[in-house]
């Protein structure tokens, strides 16, 4: 399986005169030289998350897109194979990639960085030979920090993912079905063969004959 990684970079000057760099996929050695913003703590402590990002960047399929101010990371998005303990790995698919996490530090959330990061990830047809999916769970959302209710946050995340061509897909996965705000969103690249699409359908619906 070919993992296309084309290093891209964009400089953004914000309305309050901050100069931010959007770049990726970032190689692990460069990523290790950066520091994490102290508010990037949605998933684990910033130092631990930084270590995890470097590990993901070291994977053959892994890719990290980030936004930084100077050498400080203020936002990132991760792509990698699904965890082997999750149902999404059951098909053994080499062309199924998970958009695993997206996080932007509180003070930088008004600059549209999430949308820019995701757009860069899909630029230059890097992921046209992949099925990219993301699982959205309401218990990961920063409802308190944003002041949004669960449905407004869901709408915001859905709009963000749709900006890259990801759409809602049905599934019988118990975790996703455990709350109506949770959802599975997917983008199928134009080079993905029908056999992979059928295999993905079998993964997202257990015990159901699709064809």
Protein backbone atom coordinates (compact mmCIF):
# COMPACT_ATOMS: atom_id res chain seq x y z
CA UNK A 1 0.00 0.00 0.00
CA UNK A 2 1.39 3.37 -1.02
CA UNK A 3 1.29 6.02 1.70
CA UNK A 4 1.61 9.33 -0.10
CA UNK A 5 3.14 12.03 2.04
CA UNK A 6 3.75 15.39 0.42
CA UNK A 7 5.17 17.96 2.84
CA UNK A 8 3.18 21.19 2.63
CA UNK A 9 3.45 24.49 4.50
CA UNK A 10 1.35 27.63 4.69
CA UNK A 11 1.91 30.82 6.67
CA UNK A 12 -1.18 32.51 8.08
CA UNK A 13 -1.26 36.03 9.51
CA UNK A 14 -4.24 36.40 11.81
CA UNK A 15 -6.35 39.52 12.27
CA UNK A 16 -4.54 40.19 15.56
CA UNK A 17 -1.18 39.95 13.79
CA UNK A 18 -0.13 36.48 14.91
CA UNK A 19 1.96 34.61 12.36
CA UNK A 20 1.08 30.94 12.36
CA UNK A 21 2.51 28.11 10.29
CA UNK A 22 0.32 25.26 9.08
CA UNK A 23 2.39 22.28 7.96
CA UNK A 24 2.47 18.56 7.43
CA UNK A 25 2.82 15.73 7.32
CA UNK A 26 5.61 16.58 9.77
CA UNK A 27 8.45 14.02 10.14
CA UNK A 28 9.12 12.73 13.66
CA UNK A 29 12.54 14.34 14.05
CA UNK A 30 11.18 17.81 13.29
CA UNK A 31 8.12 17.21 15.45
CA UNK A 32 10.32 16.25 18.40
CA UNK A 33 11.94 19.70 18.31
CA UNK A 34 8.66 21.52 18.88
CA UNK A 35 6.87 22.11 22.19
CA UNK A 36 3.19 21.72 23.00
CA UNK A 37 0.90 24.55 24.05
CA UNK A 38 -0.10 23.90 27.69
CA UNK A 39 -3.81 23.98 26.78
CA UNK A 40 -3.51 21.03 24.38
CA UNK A 41 -4.71 18.68 27.08
CA UNK A 42 -7.99 17.24 25.79
CA UNK A 43 -6.66 13.69 25.52
CA UNK A 44 -3.69 13.56 27.92
CA UNK A 45 -1.08 15.83 29.45
CA UNK A 46 0.61 17.99 26.77
CA UNK A 47 4.04 16.37 27.23
CA UNK A 48 2.53 12.89 26.91
CA UNK A 49 0.51 13.93 23.89
CA UNK A 50 3.64 15.36 22.27
CA UNK A 51 5.33 11.99 22.72
CA UNK A 52 2.31 10.27 21.18
CA UNK A 53 2.39 12.59 18.16
CA UNK A 54 6.05 11.78 17.54
CA UNK A 55 5.24 8.06 17.72
CA UNK A 56 2.40 8.43 15.21
CA UNK A 57 4.60 10.43 12.84
CA UNK A 58 7.11 7.56 12.96
CA UNK A 59 4.57 5.04 11.65
CA UNK A 60 4.62 4.16 7.97
CA UNK A 61 0.99 5.20 7.60
CA UNK A 62 1.00 7.84 10.34
CA UNK A 63 0.78 11.52 9.58
CA UNK A 64 0.62 14.61 11.76
CA UNK A 65 -0.54 17.99 10.47
CA UNK A 66 0.03 20.86 12.86
CA UNK A 67 -0.35 24.57 13.43
CA UNK A 68 2.39 26.32 15.33
CA UNK A 69 3.42 29.76 16.49
CA UNK A 70 7.19 29.78 16.43
CA UNK A 71 8.19 26.35 17.73
CA UNK A 72 5.07 25.90 19.87
CA UNK A 73 2.36 23.59 18.55
CA UNK A 74 -1.08 25.20 18.98
CA UNK A 75 -3.15 22.70 17.01
CA UNK A 76 -2.84 19.33 15.32
CA UNK A 77 -4.66 16.52 13.55
CA UNK A 78 -3.59 12.87 13.48
CA UNK A 79 -4.03 10.09 10.92
CA UNK A 80 -3.14 6.44 11.54
CA UNK A 81 -4.42 2.90 11.24
CA UNK A 82 -7.24 2.09 13.69
CA UNK A 83 -6.24 0.55 17.01
CA UNK A 84 -6.02 -3.23 16.78
CA UNK A 85 -8.47 -3.51 19.70
CA UNK A 86 -11.19 -1.59 17.85
CA UNK A 87 -13.66 -3.08 15.41
CA UNK A 88 -12.36 -0.86 12.59
CA UNK A 89 -9.18 -2.94 12.42
CA UNK A 90 -11.04 -6.23 12.05
CA UNK A 91 -11.03 -6.17 8.26
CA UNK A 92 -7.24 -5.98 8.13
CA UNK A 93 -7.55 -3.18 5.59
CA UNK A 94 -4.37 -1.43 4.51
CA UNK A 95 -6.34 1.35 2.82
CA UNK A 96 -8.48 2.29 5.84
CA UNK A 97 -7.06 5.23 7.82
CA UNK A 98 -8.49 6.88 10.92
CA UNK A 99 -8.58 10.62 11.45
CA UNK A 100 -7.88 9.99 15.11
CA UNK A 101 -7.73 13.35 16.88
CA UNK A 102 -8.05 17.02 16.17
CA UNK A 103 -7.29 19.61 18.82
CA UNK A 104 -6.69 23.36 18.85
CA UNK A 105 -5.59 25.33 21.93
CA UNK A 106 -8.32 27.52 23.40
CA UNK A 107 -6.75 30.87 22.47
CA UNK A 108 -6.42 29.85 18.80
CA UNK A 109 -9.89 28.49 18.09
CA UNK A 110 -11.19 31.53 16.23
CA UNK A 111 -8.74 31.29 13.32
CA UNK A 112 -10.25 28.35 11.44
CA UNK A 113 -7.17 26.22 12.09
CA UNK A 114 -9.09 22.94 12.23
CA UNK A 115 -10.44 23.46 8.73
CA UNK A 116 -7.01 24.46 7.40
CA UNK A 117 -5.34 21.42 8.95
CA UNK A 118 -7.83 18.99 7.48
CA UNK A 119 -7.74 20.68 4.08
CA UNK A 120 -3.96 20.35 3.98
CA UNK A 121 -4.15 16.68 4.93
CA UNK A 122 -6.26 15.91 1.85
CA UNK A 123 -4.40 18.28 -0.52
CA UNK A 124 -2.43 17.07 -3.55
CA UNK A 125 -4.55 13.87 -3.69
CA UNK A 126 -2.51 12.37 -0.86
CA UNK A 127 -5.43 10.32 0.45
CA UNK A 128 -7.29 9.46 -2.74
CA UNK A 129 -6.25 5.80 -2.40
CA UNK A 130 -7.62 5.61 1.15
CA UNK A 131 -10.89 5.33 3.01
CA UNK A 132 -10.58 7.90 5.80
CA UNK A 133 -12.98 7.68 8.73
CA UNK A 134 -13.46 9.43 12.02
CA UNK A 135 -15.60 8.47 15.00
CA UNK A 136 -17.13 11.40 16.86
CA UNK A 137 -18.05 10.77 20.50
CA UNK A 138 -19.73 13.50 22.53
CA UNK A 139 -17.72 12.65 25.65
CA UNK A 140 -14.56 13.87 23.89
CA UNK A 141 -16.04 17.25 23.08
CA UNK A 142 -15.16 20.43 24.98
CA UNK A 143 -18.73 21.46 25.72
CA UNK A 144 -17.74 23.49 28.78
CA UNK A 145 -14.94 25.39 27.08
CA UNK A 146 -16.96 26.27 23.98
CA UNK A 147 -20.28 26.89 25.73
CA UNK A 148 -22.04 24.81 23.08
CA UNK A 149 -24.65 22.18 23.77
CA UNK A 150 -24.10 18.67 22.48
CA UNK A 151 -26.15 19.20 19.30
CA UNK A 152 -24.48 22.47 18.35
CA UNK A 153 -21.07 20.89 18.90
CA UNK A 154 -22.09 17.92 16.76
CA UNK A 155 -23.18 20.32 14.00
CA UNK A 156 -19.86 22.15 14.25
CA UNK A 157 -17.84 18.92 13.95
CA UNK A 158 -19.98 17.66 11.10
CA UNK A 159 -19.48 20.94 9.22
CA UNK A 160 -15.72 20.72 9.79
CA UNK A 161 -15.50 17.17 8.44
CA UNK A 162 -17.76 17.95 5.50
CA UNK A 163 -15.32 20.67 4.45
CA UNK A 164 -12.96 17.85 3.44
CA UNK A 165 -15.65 15.76 1.77
CA UNK A 166 -16.36 13.48 4.73
CA UNK A 167 -19.98 12.48 5.12
CA UNK A 168 -22.11 10.68 7.71
CA UNK A 169 -22.23 6.88 7.42
CA UNK A 170 -24.51 4.49 9.26
CA UNK A 171 -23.09 1.78 11.50
CA UNK A 172 -24.20 -0.64 14.19
CA UNK A 173 -21.08 -0.01 16.30
CA UNK A 174 -22.29 -0.08 19.95
CA UNK A 175 -20.24 2.92 21.08
CA UNK A 176 -21.51 5.13 18.28
CA UNK A 177 -25.05 3.89 18.78
CA UNK A 178 -24.88 4.54 22.53
CA UNK A 179 -25.79 8.21 22.04
CA UNK A 180 -27.59 9.89 19.10
CA UNK A 181 -25.00 12.70 18.94
CA UNK A 182 -22.17 10.26 18.22
CA UNK A 183 -21.45 9.60 14.57
CA UNK A 184 -19.21 7.96 11.99
CA UNK A 185 -17.97 10.15 9.14
CA UNK A 186 -16.16 8.82 6.10
CA UNK A 187 -14.42 9.95 2.94
CA UNK A 188 -13.79 7.34 0.25
CA UNK A 189 -10.97 8.34 -2.08
CA UNK A 190 -11.61 8.17 -5.81
CA UNK A 191 -8.93 5.49 -6.27
CA UNK A 192 -10.31 3.10 -3.65
CA UNK A 193 -11.41 -0.21 -5.24
CA UNK A 194 -14.91 -1.59 -4.84
CA UNK A 195 -13.54 -4.58 -2.92
CA UNK A 196 -12.30 -2.25 -0.17
CA UNK A 197 -15.60 -0.39 -0.03
CA UNK A 198 -17.43 -3.70 0.38
CA UNK A 199 -15.00 -4.81 3.09
CA UNK A 200 -15.54 -1.55 4.96
CA UNK A 201 -19.30 -2.08 4.76
CA UNK A 202 -18.84 -5.49 6.38
CA UNK A 203 -16.80 -3.92 9.18
CA UNK A 204 -19.30 -1.17 9.96
CA UNK A 205 -22.25 -3.60 9.97
CA UNK A 206 -21.64 -6.85 11.81
CA UNK A 207 -23.84 -9.78 10.88
CA UNK A 208 -25.52 -7.97 8.02
CA UNK A 209 -25.24 -9.05 4.41
CA UNK A 210 -24.82 -5.95 2.29
CA UNK A 211 -24.56 -7.69 -1.07
